[in-house]
Amino acid sequence: MTNLRKPAVRLFAAVAAVSLVAACAEDGDTASGGGADYPDQNITFVVPFSAGGPTDTVTRLIAEPMSEELGAQIVVQNVEGAGGTVGSGEVAGADPDGYTVLMHHIGMSTAPALYADLGFDPMADFEMIGLVTEVPMTIVARADFEPETLEDLIDHVSENADSVTLANAGIGAASHLCGLLFQDALGVSLQEVPYEGTGPALTDLVGGQVDFMCDQTTNTSGQISAGEVKAYAVTTPERVESLPELPTTAEAGLPELEVAVWHGLYVPAGTPDEVVQQLSDALVVALADQGVIDQLADLGTAPVPAEDATPEAHRAKLEEQIETWGEIIADAGVEQS
């Protein structure tokens, strides 16, 4: 009787020990926010700009294939304000568990120079997931604006700087930065009209309330094709395939104005490495999706190469761009309090 009970006791103890180890492992995974169970709930992609704008458009394009790859629903949330810094600050302070992700553009690299009291450090307070796309800018005007070409626009602006209005999507937005470069190249100071997002700025441009603006091809291609706005040039070294008749700024007489708006995904600093890698891997899959490629092409852009959709490439890009734009913004003297 005794000999039969001893193995049973030992077996029970072994099972209990295995169960305890498994429970501890599960607790460890839960505490870290990562592990094999990630993701087990909806993931929020925060866009720090208005719905319908170019960054919002790019985010929604990649959200569906990333959702399928991750096996979790991705919900896009627009948290606009202060040139993208409100939404970015919220993500910086979120739990580092991989369930709150930020999509931002070139503005992440300009914010440190633009805002004296930013409230977060782009390099220290985030983990980078990967770059997504680099979008050309276009110089567009209301359909009935007098200048017909970029050369005409340069002459008109130079002669009528006091009365020409230049719209943008707010301080620090890509349209604002492009506008700064335009004014710097011409040596003029225009009447800038800031909006809470690119969507309302473009709406007023189409409606004739403002004269012209810089905006991304992801936001202007449809209006250009429909003849709702007058287009002068793209701000990249080569012409855009979807807008083949539109010259580059260099071709049209303004080689100093060259800028592309790059986008990237971020999570709060401290997010587990394995979660960062899962998100990065899902991004690579999404950018290889033919539907995404085709839709981005229609919008005048393309996914970055797979090697750039990585945390390492993204971090290097952000660091380089912070230094580059810091000098430009300091020279322009547009720091915000």
C-alpha atoms as a PDB file:
ATOM      1  CA  MET A   1       0.000   0.000   0.000  1.00  0.00           C
ATOM      2  CA  THR A   2       2.771   2.377   0.976  1.00  0.00           C
ATOM      3  CA  ASN A   3       4.808   1.570  -2.143  1.00  0.00           C
ATOM      4  CA  LEU A   4       1.832   2.383  -4.383  1.00  0.00           C
ATOM      5  CA  ARG A   5       1.205   5.756  -2.759  1.00  0.00           C
ATOM      6  CA  LYS A   6       4.761   7.100  -3.012  1.00  0.00           C
ATOM      7  CA  PRO A   7       4.864   7.208  -6.839  1.00  0.00           C
ATOM      8  CA  ALA A   8       1.438   8.834  -6.852  1.00  0.00           C
ATOM      9  CA  VAL A   9       2.646  11.536  -4.495  1.00  0.00           C
ATOM     10  CA  ARG A  10       5.738  12.092  -6.609  1.00  0.00           C
ATOM     11  CA  LEU A  11       3.622  12.280  -9.781  1.00  0.00           C
ATOM     12  CA  PHE A  12       1.288  14.824  -8.185  1.00  0.00           C
ATOM     13  CA  ALA A  13       4.252  16.948  -7.099  1.00  0.00           C
ATOM     14  CA  ALA A  14       5.771  16.847 -10.569  1.00  0.00           C
ATOM     15  CA  VAL A  15       2.519  17.893 -12.211  1.00  0.00           C
ATOM     16  CA  ALA A  16       2.114  20.694  -9.691  1.00  0.00           C
ATOM     17  CA  ALA A  17       5.650  21.918 -10.386  1.00  0.00           C
ATOM     18  CA  VAL A  18       5.100  21.949 -14.141  1.00  0.00           C
ATOM     19  CA  SER A  19       1.831  23.825 -13.669  1.00  0.00           C
ATOM     20  CA  LEU A  20       3.549  26.385 -11.459  1.00  0.00           C
ATOM     21  CA  VAL A  21       6.315  26.959 -14.006  1.00  0.00           C
ATOM     22  CA  ALA A  22       3.754  27.365 -16.789  1.00  0.00           C
ATOM     23  CA  ALA A  23       1.744  29.808 -14.696  1.00  0.00           C
ATOM     24  CA  CYS A  24       4.857  31.853 -13.928  1.00  0.00           C
ATOM     25  CA  ALA A  25       5.768  31.918 -17.622  1.00  0.00           C
ATOM     26  CA  GLU A  26       2.290  33.139 -18.507  1.00  0.00           C
ATOM     27  CA  ASP A  27       2.474  35.799 -15.807  1.00  0.00           C
ATOM     28  CA  GLY A  28       5.853  36.867 -17.188  1.00  0.00           C
ATOM     29  CA  ASP A  29       4.452  37.190 -20.687  1.00  0.00           C
ATOM     30  CA  THR A  30       1.503  39.224 -19.423  1.00  0.00           C
ATOM     31  CA  ALA A  31       3.695  41.507 -17.356  1.00  0.00           C
ATOM     32  CA  SER A  32       6.001  42.223 -20.273  1.00  0.00           C
ATOM     33  CA  GLY A  33       3.118  42.923 -22.637  1.00  0.00           C
ATOM     34  CA  GLY A  34       4.589  40.491 -25.157  1.00  0.00           C
ATOM     35  CA  GLY A  35       5.050  36.785 -25.574  1.00  0.00           C
ATOM     36  CA  ALA A  36       3.191  34.222 -27.607  1.00  0.00           C
ATOM     37  CA  ASP A  37      -0.223  35.671 -26.749  1.00  0.00           C
ATOM     38  CA  TYR A  38       0.408  39.032 -28.461  1.00  0.00           C
ATOM     39  CA  PRO A  39      -1.848  40.338 -29.828  1.00  0.00           C
ATOM     40  CA  ASP A  40      -4.931  39.159 -27.945  1.00  0.00           C
ATOM     41  CA  GLN A  41      -6.986  42.362 -28.264  1.00  0.00           C
ATOM     42  CA  ASN A  42      -7.558  45.254 -30.656  1.00  0.00           C
ATOM     43  CA  ILE A  43      -4.574  47.408 -31.584  1.00  0.00           C
ATOM     44  CA  THR A  44      -5.022  51.180 -31.868  1.00  0.00           C
ATOM     45  CA  PHE A  45      -3.158  53.063 -34.572  1.00  0.00           C
ATOM     46  CA  VAL A  46      -3.051  56.744 -33.588  1.00  0.00           C
ATOM     47  CA  VAL A  47      -2.886  59.269 -36.426  1.00  0.00           C
ATOM     48  CA  PRO A  48      -1.986  62.702 -35.002  1.00  0.00           C
ATOM     49  CA  PHE A  49      -3.744  64.522 -37.848  1.00  0.00           C
ATOM     50  CA  SER A  50      -7.288  64.905 -39.128  1.00  0.00           C
ATOM     51  CA  ALA A  51      -9.258  62.112 -40.765  1.00  0.00           C
ATOM     52  CA  GLY A  52      -9.045  62.144 -44.549  1.00  0.00           C
ATOM     53  CA  GLY A  53      -5.580  63.709 -44.622  1.00  0.00           C
ATOM     54  CA  PRO A  54      -2.566  62.073 -46.297  1.00  0.00           C
ATOM     55  CA  THR A  55      -1.149  60.441 -43.164  1.00  0.00           C
ATOM     56  CA  ASP A  56      -4.579  59.090 -42.310  1.00  0.00           C
ATOM     57  CA  THR A  57      -4.891  57.697 -45.854  1.00  0.00           C
ATOM     58  CA  VAL A  58      -1.553  55.862 -45.691  1.00  0.00           C
ATOM     59  CA  THR A  59      -2.396  54.482 -42.247  1.00  0.00           C
ATOM     60  CA  ARG A  60      -5.717  53.030 -43.354  1.00  0.00           C
ATOM     61  CA  LEU A  61      -4.114  51.466 -46.429  1.00  0.00           C
ATOM     62  CA  ILE A  62      -1.673  49.390 -44.391  1.00  0.00           C
ATOM     63  CA  ALA A  63      -3.971  48.731 -41.415  1.00  0.00           C
ATOM     64  CA  GLU A  64      -6.003  45.975 -43.086  1.00  0.00           C
ATOM     65  CA  PRO A  65      -3.123  43.765 -44.289  1.00  0.00           C
ATOM     66  CA  MET A  66      -1.256  44.301 -41.016  1.00  0.00           C
ATOM     67  CA  SER A  67      -4.411  43.323 -39.130  1.00  0.00           C
ATOM     68  CA  GLU A  68      -4.677  40.123 -41.143  1.00  0.00           C
ATOM     69  CA  GLU A  69      -1.022  39.271 -40.557  1.00  0.00           C
ATOM     70  CA  LEU A  70      -1.197  39.963 -36.808  1.00  0.00           C
ATOM     71  CA  GLY A  71      -4.574  38.266 -36.338  1.00  0.00           C
ATOM     72  CA  ALA A  72      -6.039  41.239 -34.468  1.00  0.00           C
ATOM     73  CA  GLN A  73      -8.300  44.126 -35.389  1.00  0.00           C
ATOM     74  CA  ILE A  74      -6.532  47.465 -35.950  1.00  0.00           C
ATOM     75  CA  VAL A  75      -8.584  50.531 -35.045  1.00  0.00           C
ATOM     76  CA  VAL A  76      -7.450  53.892 -36.474  1.00  0.00           C
ATOM     77  CA  GLN A  77      -7.914  56.833 -34.118  1.00  0.00           C
ATOM     78  CA  ASN A  78      -7.341  60.468 -35.121  1.00  0.00           C
ATOM     79  CA  VAL A  79      -5.912  62.628 -32.321  1.00  0.00           C
ATOM     80  CA  GLU A  80      -5.095  65.925 -33.995  1.00  0.00           C
ATOM     81  CA  GLY A  81      -3.596  69.148 -32.700  1.00  0.00           C
ATOM     82  CA  ALA A  82      -0.386  71.187 -32.465  1.00  0.00           C
ATOM     83  CA  GLY A  83       1.229  69.856 -35.628  1.00  0.00           C
ATOM     84  CA  GLY A  84       0.902  66.241 -34.574  1.00  0.00           C
ATOM     85  CA  THR A  85       2.419  66.668 -31.114  1.00  0.00           C
ATOM     86  CA  VAL A  86      -0.808  66.035 -29.173  1.00  0.00           C
ATOM     87  CA  GLY A  87      -1.354  62.552 -30.563  1.00  0.00           C
ATOM     88  CA  SER A  88       2.360  61.775 -30.424  1.00  0.00           C
ATOM     89  CA  GLY A  89       2.513  62.782 -26.768  1.00  0.00           C
ATOM     90  CA  GLU A  90      -0.410  60.507 -25.951  1.00  0.00           C
ATOM     91  CA  VAL A  91       1.325  57.531 -27.526  1.00  0.00           C
ATOM     92  CA  ALA A  92       4.612  58.360 -25.776  1.00  0.00           C
ATOM     93  CA  GLY A  93       2.769  58.112 -22.451  1.00  0.00           C
ATOM     94  CA  ALA A  94       0.776  54.981 -23.290  1.00  0.00           C
ATOM     95  CA  ASP A  95       1.447  51.528 -21.858  1.00  0.00           C
ATOM     96  CA  PRO A  96       4.406  49.956 -23.693  1.00  0.00           C
ATOM     97  CA  ASP A  97       2.497  46.794 -24.576  1.00  0.00           C
ATOM     98  CA  GLY A  98       2.202  47.044 -28.348  1.00  0.00           C
ATOM     99  CA  TYR A  99      -1.490  47.928 -28.356  1.00  0.00           C
ATOM    100  CA  THR A 100      -0.980  51.670 -29.009  1.00  0.00           C
ATOM    101  CA  VAL A 101       0.918  52.465 -32.202  1.00  0.00           C
ATOM    102  CA  LEU A 102       1.686  55.867 -33.734  1.00  0.00           C
ATOM    103  CA  MET A 103       1.833  56.671 -37.426  1.00  0.00           C
ATOM    104  CA  HIS A 104       3.715  59.916 -37.963  1.00  0.00           C
ATOM    105  CA  HIS A 105       5.435  61.606 -40.847  1.00  0.00           C
ATOM    106  CA  ILE A 106       8.429  63.905 -41.292  1.00  0.00           C
ATOM    107  CA  GLY A 107       6.981  66.087 -38.519  1.00  0.00           C
ATOM    108  CA  MET A 108       8.428  63.732 -35.909  1.00  0.00           C
ATOM    109  CA  SER A 109      11.884  64.930 -36.940  1.00  0.00           C
ATOM    110  CA  THR A 110      11.000  68.632 -36.965  1.00  0.00           C
ATOM    111  CA  ALA A 111       9.104  68.790 -33.672  1.00  0.00           C
ATOM    112  CA  PRO A 112      12.209  69.082 -31.428  1.00  0.00           C
ATOM    113  CA  ALA A 113      13.298  72.239 -33.258  1.00  0.00           C
ATOM    114  CA  LEU A 114       9.803  73.680 -33.681  1.00  0.00           C
ATOM    115  CA  TYR A 115       8.565  73.373 -30.095  1.00  0.00           C
ATOM    116  CA  ALA A 116      10.499  74.712 -27.129  1.00  0.00           C
ATOM    117  CA  ASP A 117       8.398  72.664 -24.685  1.00  0.00           C
ATOM    118  CA  LEU A 118       7.647  69.529 -26.689  1.00  0.00           C
ATOM    119  CA  GLY A 119       6.909  67.219 -23.774  1.00  0.00           C
ATOM    120  CA  PHE A 120       8.518  64.129 -25.321  1.00  0.00           C
ATOM    121  CA  ASP A 121      11.779  63.102 -26.937  1.00  0.00           C
ATOM    122  CA  PRO A 122      11.291  61.413 -30.335  1.00  0.00           C
ATOM    123  CA  MET A 123      14.490  59.383 -29.996  1.00  0.00           C
ATOM    124  CA  ALA A 124      14.186  58.423 -26.333  1.00  0.00           C
ATOM    125  CA  ASP A 125      10.454  58.010 -25.780  1.00  0.00           C
ATOM    126  CA  PHE A 126       9.655  55.719 -28.700  1.00  0.00           C
ATOM    127  CA  GLU A 127      10.663  52.426 -30.236  1.00  0.00           C
ATOM    128  CA  MET A 128      10.706  52.554 -34.040  1.00  0.00           C
ATOM    129  CA  ILE A 129       8.822  49.899 -36.009  1.00  0.00           C
ATOM    130  CA  GLY A 130       9.837  50.803 -39.552  1.00  0.00           C
ATOM    131  CA  LEU A 131       9.462  53.297 -42.377  1.00  0.00           C
ATOM    132  CA  VAL A 132       6.360  53.036 -44.559  1.00  0.00           C
ATOM    133  CA  THR A 133       6.574  55.344 -47.583  1.00  0.00           C
ATOM    134  CA  GLU A 134       8.100  58.579 -48.849  1.00  0.00           C
ATOM    135  CA  VAL A 135       5.445  60.784 -50.419  1.00  0.00           C
ATOM    136  CA  PRO A 136       6.240  63.587 -52.896  1.00  0.00           C
ATOM    137  CA  MET A 137       4.763  67.013 -52.260  1.00  0.00           C
ATOM    138  CA  THR A 138       2.912  68.976 -54.908  1.00  0.00           C
ATOM    139  CA  ILE A 139       2.575  72.727 -55.276  1.00  0.00           C
ATOM    140  CA  VAL A 140      -1.094  73.383 -56.021  1.00  0.00           C
ATOM    141  CA  ALA A 141      -3.346  76.443 -56.233  1.00  0.00           C
ATOM    142  CA  ARG A 142      -7.006  77.297 -56.515  1.00  0.00           C
ATOM    143  CA  ALA A 143      -8.221  76.508 -60.023  1.00  0.00           C
ATOM    144  CA  ASP A 144      -8.663  80.155 -61.018  1.00  0.00           C
ATOM    145  CA  PHE A 145      -5.340  81.417 -59.654  1.00  0.00           C
ATOM    146  CA  GLU A 146      -3.644  83.609 -62.288  1.00  0.00           C
ATOM    147  CA  PRO A 147      -0.193  81.943 -62.624  1.00  0.00           C
ATOM    148  CA  GLU A 148      -0.185  79.072 -65.136  1.00  0.00           C
ATOM    149  CA  THR A 149       3.274  77.601 -64.504  1.00  0.00           C
ATOM    150  CA  LEU A 150       5.682  77.391 -61.578  1.00  0.00           C
ATOM    151  CA  GLU A 151       7.807  80.101 -63.236  1.00  0.00           C
ATOM    152  CA  ASP A 152       4.690  82.276 -63.376  1.00  0.00           C
ATOM    153  CA  LEU A 153       3.937  81.491 -59.734  1.00  0.00           C
ATOM    154  CA  ILE A 154       7.447  82.481 -58.671  1.00  0.00           C
ATOM    155  CA  ASP A 155       7.113  85.817 -60.466  1.00  0.00           C
ATOM    156  CA  HIS A 156       3.605  86.435 -59.124  1.00  0.00           C
ATOM    157  CA  VAL A 157       4.528  85.631 -55.533  1.00  0.00           C
ATOM    158  CA  SER A 158       7.682  87.717 -55.679  1.00  0.00           C
ATOM    159  CA  GLU A 159       5.707  90.738 -56.917  1.00  0.00           C
ATOM    160  CA  ASN A 160       2.643  90.289 -54.672  1.00  0.00           C
ATOM    161  CA  ALA A 161       3.998  88.810 -51.470  1.00  0.00           C
ATOM    162  CA  ASP A 162       1.810  91.031 -49.288  1.00  0.00           C
ATOM    163  CA  SER A 163      -1.433  89.775 -50.798  1.00  0.00           C
ATOM    164  CA  VAL A 164      -0.790  86.111 -51.661  1.00  0.00           C
ATOM    165  CA  THR A 165      -2.093  83.557 -49.146  1.00  0.00           C
ATOM    166  CA  LEU A 166      -0.273  80.301 -48.475  1.00  0.00           C
ATOM    167  CA  ALA A 167      -2.306  77.603 -46.700  1.00  0.00           C
ATOM    168  CA  ASN A 168      -0.896  74.832 -44.517  1.00  0.00           C
ATOM    169  CA  ALA A 169      -2.145  72.112 -42.191  1.00  0.00           C
ATOM    170  CA  GLY A 170      -0.712  73.741 -39.061  1.00  0.00           C
ATOM    171  CA  ILE A 171       2.678  74.491 -37.547  1.00  0.00           C
ATOM    172  CA  GLY A 172       5.014  71.558 -38.063  1.00  0.00           C
ATOM    173  CA  ALA A 173       2.837  69.847 -40.667  1.00  0.00           C
ATOM    174  CA  ALA A 174       4.504  68.743 -43.893  1.00  0.00           C
ATOM    175  CA  SER A 175       2.670  71.457 -45.823  1.00  0.00           C
ATOM    176  CA  HIS A 176       4.056  74.056 -43.416  1.00  0.00           C
ATOM    177  CA  LEU A 177       7.615  72.779 -43.824  1.00  0.00           C
ATOM    178  CA  CYS A 178       7.344  72.752 -47.607  1.00  0.00           C
ATOM    179  CA  GLY A 179       5.958  76.286 -47.474  1.00  0.00           C
ATOM    180  CA  LEU A 180       8.922  77.403 -45.391  1.00  0.00           C
ATOM    181  CA  LEU A 181      11.327  76.029 -47.987  1.00  0.00           C
ATOM    182  CA  PHE A 182       9.364  77.743 -50.778  1.00  0.00           C
ATOM    183  CA  GLN A 183       9.500  81.137 -49.064  1.00  0.00           C
ATOM    184  CA  ASP A 184      13.165  80.687 -48.194  1.00  0.00           C
ATOM    185  CA  ALA A 185      14.028  79.844 -51.797  1.00  0.00           C
ATOM    186  CA  LEU A 186      12.275  82.995 -53.037  1.00  0.00           C
ATOM    187  CA  GLY A 187      13.367  85.215 -50.156  1.00  0.00           C
ATOM    188  CA  VAL A 188       9.797  86.303 -49.402  1.00  0.00           C
ATOM    189  CA  SER A 189       7.441  86.263 -46.427  1.00  0.00           C
ATOM    190  CA  LEU A 190       3.853  85.358 -47.328  1.00  0.00           C
ATOM    191  CA  GLN A 191       0.546  85.482 -45.503  1.00  0.00           C
ATOM    192  CA  GLU A 192       0.351  81.961 -44.095  1.00  0.00           C
ATOM    193  CA  VAL A 193      -3.076  80.536 -43.260  1.00  0.00           C
ATOM    194  CA  PRO A 194      -2.797  77.568 -40.873  1.00  0.00           C
ATOM    195  CA  TYR A 195      -5.570  74.962 -40.583  1.00  0.00           C
ATOM    196  CA  GLU A 196      -6.257  72.083 -38.224  1.00  0.00           C
ATOM    197  CA  GLY A 197      -5.243  69.476 -40.744  1.00  0.00           C
ATOM    198  CA  THR A 198      -4.654  69.080 -44.461  1.00  0.00           C
ATOM    199  CA  GLY A 199      -8.252  68.095 -45.232  1.00  0.00           C
ATOM    200  CA  PRO A 200      -9.813  71.461 -44.333  1.00  0.00           C
ATOM    201  CA  ALA A 201      -6.897  73.341 -45.910  1.00  0.00           C
ATOM    202  CA  LEU A 202      -7.399  71.579 -49.233  1.00  0.00           C
ATOM    203  CA  THR A 203     -11.166  72.054 -49.000  1.00  0.00           C
ATOM    204  CA  ASP A 204     -10.701  75.812 -48.721  1.00  0.00           C
ATOM    205  CA  LEU A 205      -8.182  75.761 -51.564  1.00  0.00           C
ATOM    206  CA  VAL A 206     -10.675  73.994 -53.827  1.00  0.00           C
ATOM    207  CA  GLY A 207     -13.298  76.509 -52.678  1.00  0.00           C
ATOM    208  CA  GLY A 208     -11.061  79.452 -53.576  1.00  0.00           C
ATOM    209  CA  GLN A 209     -10.649  80.829 -50.027  1.00  0.00           C
ATOM    210  CA  VAL A 210      -6.836  80.645 -50.194  1.00  0.00           C
ATOM    211  CA  ASP A 211      -4.387  80.969 -53.089  1.00  0.00           C
ATOM    212  CA  PHE A 212      -1.970  78.044 -52.964  1.00  0.00           C
ATOM    213  CA  MET A 213      -0.250  75.447 -50.782  1.00  0.00           C
ATOM    214  CA  CYS A 214       2.131  72.502 -50.713  1.00  0.00           C
ATOM    215  CA  ASP A 215       0.503  69.140 -50.100  1.00  0.00           C
ATOM    216  CA  GLN A 216       1.289  65.468 -50.485  1.00  0.00           C
ATOM    217  CA  THR A 217       0.352  63.563 -53.629  1.00  0.00           C
ATOM    218  CA  THR A 218      -1.658  61.188 -51.440  1.00  0.00           C
ATOM    219  CA  ASN A 219      -3.993  64.103 -50.798  1.00  0.00           C
ATOM    220  CA  THR A 220      -3.929  66.031 -54.073  1.00  0.00           C
ATOM    221  CA  SER A 221      -3.800  63.462 -56.890  1.00  0.00           C
ATOM    222  CA  GLY A 222      -7.583  63.167 -57.099  1.00  0.00           C
ATOM    223  CA  GLN A 223      -8.164  66.924 -57.162  1.00  0.00           C
ATOM    224  CA  ILE A 224      -5.400  67.436 -59.724  1.00  0.00           C
ATOM    225  CA  SER A 225      -6.831  64.756 -62.035  1.00  0.00           C
ATOM    226  CA  ALA A 226     -10.328  66.208 -61.641  1.00  0.00           C
ATOM    227  CA  GLY A 227      -9.139  69.734 -62.425  1.00  0.00           C
ATOM    228  CA  GLU A 228     -10.319  71.035 -59.045  1.00  0.00           C
ATOM    229  CA  VAL A 229      -6.918  72.586 -58.352  1.00  0.00           C
ATOM    230  CA  LYS A 230      -4.127  73.955 -60.514  1.00  0.00           C
ATOM    231  CA  ALA A 231      -0.890  71.964 -60.149  1.00  0.00           C
ATOM    232  CA  TYR A 232       2.568  73.420 -60.763  1.00  0.00           C
ATOM    233  CA  ALA A 233       5.196  70.851 -59.777  1.00  0.00           C
ATOM    234  CA  VAL A 234       6.257  67.909 -57.617  1.00  0.00           C
ATOM    235  CA  THR A 235       9.019  68.400 -55.058  1.00  0.00           C
ATOM    236  CA  THR A 236      11.083  65.309 -55.905  1.00  0.00           C
ATOM    237  CA  PRO A 237      14.073  64.786 -58.234  1.00  0.00           C
ATOM    238  CA  GLU A 238      11.997  62.644 -60.607  1.00  0.00           C
ATOM    239  CA  ARG A 239       8.490  62.995 -61.985  1.00  0.00           C
ATOM    240  CA  VAL A 240       5.666  61.037 -60.364  1.00  0.00           C
ATOM    241  CA  GLU A 241       4.366  58.147 -62.451  1.00  0.00           C
ATOM    242  CA  SER A 242       0.713  58.874 -61.687  1.00  0.00           C
ATOM    243  CA  LEU A 243       1.152  62.579 -62.609  1.00  0.00           C
ATOM    244  CA  PRO A 244       3.527  62.309 -65.587  1.00  0.00           C
ATOM    245  CA  GLU A 245       2.800  65.752 -67.040  1.00  0.00           C
ATOM    246  CA  LEU A 246       3.674  67.541 -63.790  1.00  0.00           C
ATOM    247  CA  PRO A 247       7.301  68.796 -63.842  1.00  0.00           C
ATOM    248  CA  THR A 248       9.664  68.576 -60.910  1.00  0.00           C
ATOM    249  CA  THR A 249      10.547  71.754 -59.049  1.00  0.00           C
ATOM    250  CA  ALA A 250      14.061  71.508 -60.481  1.00  0.00           C
ATOM    251  CA  GLU A 251      12.722  71.320 -64.040  1.00  0.00           C
ATOM    252  CA  ALA A 252      10.372  74.219 -63.393  1.00  0.00           C
ATOM    253  CA  GLY A 253      13.016  76.575 -62.039  1.00  0.00           C
ATOM    254  CA  LEU A 254      13.080  75.937 -58.281  1.00  0.00           C
ATOM    255  CA  PRO A 255      15.783  73.326 -57.587  1.00  0.00           C
ATOM    256  CA  GLU A 256      16.153  74.503 -53.972  1.00  0.00           C
ATOM    257  CA  LEU A 257      12.717  73.089 -53.138  1.00  0.00           C
ATOM    258  CA  GLU A 258      13.128  69.335 -52.804  1.00  0.00           C
ATOM    259  CA  VAL A 259      11.291  67.456 -50.072  1.00  0.00           C
ATOM    260  CA  ALA A 260       9.539  64.110 -49.643  1.00  0.00           C
ATOM    261  CA  VAL A 261       7.341  63.290 -46.680  1.00  0.00           C
ATOM    262  CA  TRP A 262       8.400  60.030 -45.091  1.00  0.00           C
ATOM    263  CA  HIS A 263       6.116  58.097 -42.745  1.00  0.00           C
ATOM    264  CA  GLY A 264       6.930  55.628 -39.984  1.00  0.00           C
ATOM    265  CA  LEU A 265       5.335  53.579 -37.205  1.00  0.00           C
ATOM    266  CA  TYR A 266       6.235  53.993 -33.518  1.00  0.00           C
ATOM    267  CA  VAL A 267       5.375  52.424 -30.156  1.00  0.00           C
ATOM    268  CA  PRO A 268       6.187  53.717 -26.659  1.00  0.00           C
ATOM    269  CA  ALA A 269       9.706  53.160 -25.351  1.00  0.00           C
ATOM    270  CA  GLY A 270       9.965  49.967 -23.336  1.00  0.00           C
ATOM    271  CA  THR A 271       7.735  47.908 -25.627  1.00  0.00           C
ATOM    272  CA  PRO A 272       9.152  44.348 -25.628  1.00  0.00           C
ATOM    273  CA  ASP A 273      11.541  43.566 -28.462  1.00  0.00           C
ATOM    274  CA  GLU A 274       9.486  40.595 -29.606  1.00  0.00           C
ATOM    275  CA  VAL A 275       6.394  42.784 -29.973  1.00  0.00           C
ATOM    276  CA  VAL A 276       8.338  45.416 -31.915  1.00  0.00           C
ATOM    277  CA  GLN A 277       9.559  42.668 -34.221  1.00  0.00           C
ATOM    278  CA  GLN A 278       6.062  41.253 -34.731  1.00  0.00           C
ATOM    279  CA  LEU A 279       4.783  44.675 -35.726  1.00  0.00           C
ATOM    280  CA  SER A 280       7.765  45.257 -38.026  1.00  0.00           C
ATOM    281  CA  ASP A 281       7.306  41.866 -39.690  1.00  0.00           C
ATOM    282  CA  ALA A 282       3.607  42.614 -40.223  1.00  0.00           C
ATOM    283  CA  LEU A 283       4.533  45.980 -41.762  1.00  0.00           C
ATOM    284  CA  VAL A 284       6.877  44.288 -44.250  1.00  0.00           C
ATOM    285  CA  VAL A 285       4.073  41.922 -45.260  1.00  0.00           C
ATOM    286  CA  ALA A 286       1.622  44.811 -45.667  1.00  0.00           C
ATOM    287  CA  LEU A 287       4.007  46.807 -47.845  1.00  0.00           C
ATOM    288  CA  ALA A 288       4.432  43.802 -50.136  1.00  0.00           C
ATOM    289  CA  ASP A 289       0.658  43.473 -50.571  1.00  0.00           C
ATOM    290  CA  GLN A 290      -0.238  44.142 -54.212  1.00  0.00           C
ATOM    291  CA  GLY A 291      -3.381  46.034 -53.245  1.00  0.00           C
ATOM    292  CA  VAL A 292      -1.341  48.407 -51.083  1.00  0.00           C
ATOM    293  CA  ILE A 293       1.260  48.853 -53.819  1.00  0.00           C
ATOM    294  CA  ASP A 294      -1.418  49.640 -56.420  1.00  0.00           C
ATOM    295  CA  GLN A 295      -3.306  52.073 -54.207  1.00  0.00           C
ATOM    296  CA  LEU A 296      -0.133  53.912 -53.198  1.00  0.00           C
ATOM    297  CA  ALA A 297       0.836  54.141 -56.882  1.00  0.00           C
ATOM    298  CA  ASP A 298      -2.512  55.756 -57.621  1.00  0.00           C
ATOM    299  CA  LEU A 299      -1.664  58.309 -54.931  1.00  0.00           C
ATOM    300  CA  GLY A 300       1.731  59.095 -56.416  1.00  0.00           C
ATOM    301  CA  THR A 301       3.953  57.134 -54.075  1.00  0.00           C
ATOM    302  CA  ALA A 302       5.249  53.633 -53.278  1.00  0.00           C
ATOM    303  CA  PRO A 303       6.176  51.502 -50.255  1.00  0.00           C
ATOM    304  CA  VAL A 304       9.736  51.750 -49.000  1.00  0.00           C
ATOM    305  CA  PRO A 305      12.009  48.759 -49.713  1.00  0.00           C
ATOM    306  CA  ALA A 306      11.688  45.928 -47.172  1.00  0.00           C
ATOM    307  CA  GLU A 307      15.083  46.761 -45.668  1.00  0.00           C
ATOM    308  CA  ASP A 308      13.788  50.226 -44.712  1.00  0.00           C
ATOM    309  CA  ALA A 309      10.663  48.872 -42.989  1.00  0.00           C
ATOM    310  CA  THR A 310      12.812  47.914 -39.999  1.00  0.00           C
ATOM    311  CA  PRO A 311      13.453  49.460 -36.578  1.00  0.00           C
ATOM    312  CA  GLU A 312      17.131  49.993 -37.383  1.00  0.00           C
ATOM    313  CA  ALA A 313      16.579  51.830 -40.663  1.00  0.00           C
ATOM    314  CA  HIS A 314      13.783  53.883 -39.131  1.00  0.00           C
ATOM    315  CA  ARG A 315      15.901  54.978 -36.168  1.00  0.00           C
ATOM    316  CA  ALA A 316      18.788  55.999 -38.429  1.00  0.00           C
ATOM    317  CA  LYS A 317      16.431  58.015 -40.658  1.00  0.00           C
ATOM    318  CA  LEU A 318      14.843  59.843 -37.730  1.00  0.00           C
ATOM    319  CA  GLU A 319      18.200  60.733 -36.197  1.00  0.00           C
ATOM    320  CA  GLU A 320      19.510  62.114 -39.507  1.00  0.00           C
ATOM    321  CA  GLN A 321      16.336  64.085 -40.201  1.00  0.00           C
ATOM    322  CA  ILE A 322      16.233  65.674 -36.734  1.00  0.00           C
ATOM    323  CA  GLU A 323      19.687  67.109 -37.386  1.00  0.00           C
ATOM    324  CA  THR A 324      18.848  68.268 -40.924  1.00  0.00           C
ATOM    325  CA  TRP A 325      15.554  69.993 -40.100  1.00  0.00           C
ATOM    326  CA  GLY A 326      16.910  71.460 -36.875  1.00  0.00           C
ATOM    327  CA  GLU A 327      19.253  73.658 -38.902  1.00  0.00           C
ATOM    328  CA  ILE A 328      16.568  74.679 -41.425  1.00  0.00           C
ATOM    329  CA  ILE A 329      14.029  75.597 -38.742  1.00  0.00           C
ATOM    330  CA  ALA A 330      16.600  77.518 -36.697  1.00  0.00           C
ATOM    331  CA  ASP A 331      17.499  79.565 -39.773  1.00  0.00           C
ATOM    332  CA  ALA A 332      13.809  80.249 -40.446  1.00  0.00           C
ATOM    333  CA  GLY A 333      13.241  81.423 -36.857  1.00  0.00           C
ATOM    334  CA  VAL A 334       9.823  79.752 -36.498  1.00  0.00           C
ATOM    335  CA  GLU A 335      10.241  78.028 -33.112  1.00  0.00           C
ATOM    336  CA  GLN A 336       6.985  77.890 -31.134  1.00  0.00           C
ATOM    337  CA  SER A 337       6.766  78.605 -27.398  1.00  0.00           C
END
